[in-house]
Amino acid sequence: TARGVRVAASIAACVMVVGGGRMAYTSGGGVASLVEMGHTHHNTKHAVGGNHTSTKWESPTCYPDQVEDKSEYFTCPPGSYLGRSADEIKDANDRLRALYYTLRTDYGYEENKRENISSVSYLDRGYATYESMVWPKPAQCQKLANDSWISHPWHAMYNRSMEYFHNYTGNHYRADNAPSYISKLVSDTYEFEFHYIWKVASTSYPSYLWCEFWPLTRATADEEVKDGYKVVASVRNPLGRFVSAVSEILQRSVNGYCPSGYCDASSSYFGNVTLEEFKQMTTWFKYVDGKASVDMDTLPAMLHAFMHDTECNYDYYAAEHLTTQSTFITQGAGCASEIDLVIRLEELDDGLDQMVDEVKVAAGGGGQELLSLGFEHGGGQAWRCAHGV
């Protein structure tokens, strides 16, 4: 559809996009403490980057002064990854800035100031992504799927008890930063960080990384990248990643099944409370509500609704699987650190070889022979060292 083309154009200029993971709400009933725990994942106002002046949240920014021309924030994540020359980087940034003006002038898209949650992260890190308030979106996105519901009392059954809520206090739009509870892997031996991006083999990479680059430590997403450390990440074709994200969201919403097993409070899933959030905060859930599977006759309409909700940046349970890869890839305080190496999932063998050469061998280490293993869920490959643990 035309909408799909516009979204793809919006996110493809830097090669990296659409992905995510966890969710939220609050309650006045007995489940309040668990629900609040889910909300703390969202309500993060830490800076994702910055070292100069302050944003309205009093977090530092990457610019000495606020930039009047918002198109200046339309750049790719910093770095010469994917073998790009200085001219190619400039060309990509020019295309992004041209897109900004096209969206505003030709399509009449505009900023949605209701997206101003969890800090103004594009100021903090120094570049905008699709989740940024400054990224122009259709006027219809100024309204939620059910704007009146969020400010009224509601109730839902949970654990055989009726839970009553004064209103909906979860986020309405996806945050402009990687989730605060995501972790990254750090090697002090080889001086690099690996930044996970959801729906890009993020559950399969760890076994290989721990084996090939042992020992590693985990760090939180807001910990600063150490001076001199390289940053490595893996990305995936945006359309394939979108399909994978939709599949996971449907698994959770229709089957109540999460990657670790049946969804429960440990994955911020609260039965009918979560289903009510789907019902009120999305336009696609009506096509699967109360059904045991997806109706093939309504599949095109449901996917169109998914595209609408993604285009509008709506937030709801598991919507962070749709957060763009350009947002995920920057993790750490201070202005966005340069990305040194990006591995395309579709070119995995070559990417892993390059990672070993540039990160390990360059530091005096040796590369292990790799074995390919089938993914636990569906196609693709997982990896481990031939002589690893």
Foldseek 3Di string as FASTA:
>chain_A
DVLVVLVCLLAPLQPWWFFAFFFAWAFPDPCRVLRVVRQVQAQAQAALAADEAQDPSRHHFPDNDDDPPVLQQQAFQFACAPVRDPVSRVVSSVSSSVSQVCCCPVVVFAFQCLLCGSHQHSRGQRHFGLSGSGRTFHPVLNAFLANVQQQDKDWDDFPNDITIHRGIDHRFFHHQAHGQADKWKAAPLLQAIEFETHLLCSVQAPQACCFFRPPIDIDTLAAARDPPGAYEYEHERLVVLLVVLVVQVCCCQQVCAHPVGRDDSVRPDGPGVQNVQCVRGFPQCVQRVPHNDGDPVCVVVSVVRVSVCLSSRTGGGSSRRGGMPSRRRRGYYHHGDHHYYYHYQVNHVVRVVVCCVVRPVVSPHDGADKDWDADPPDGGTHIHGPPGD
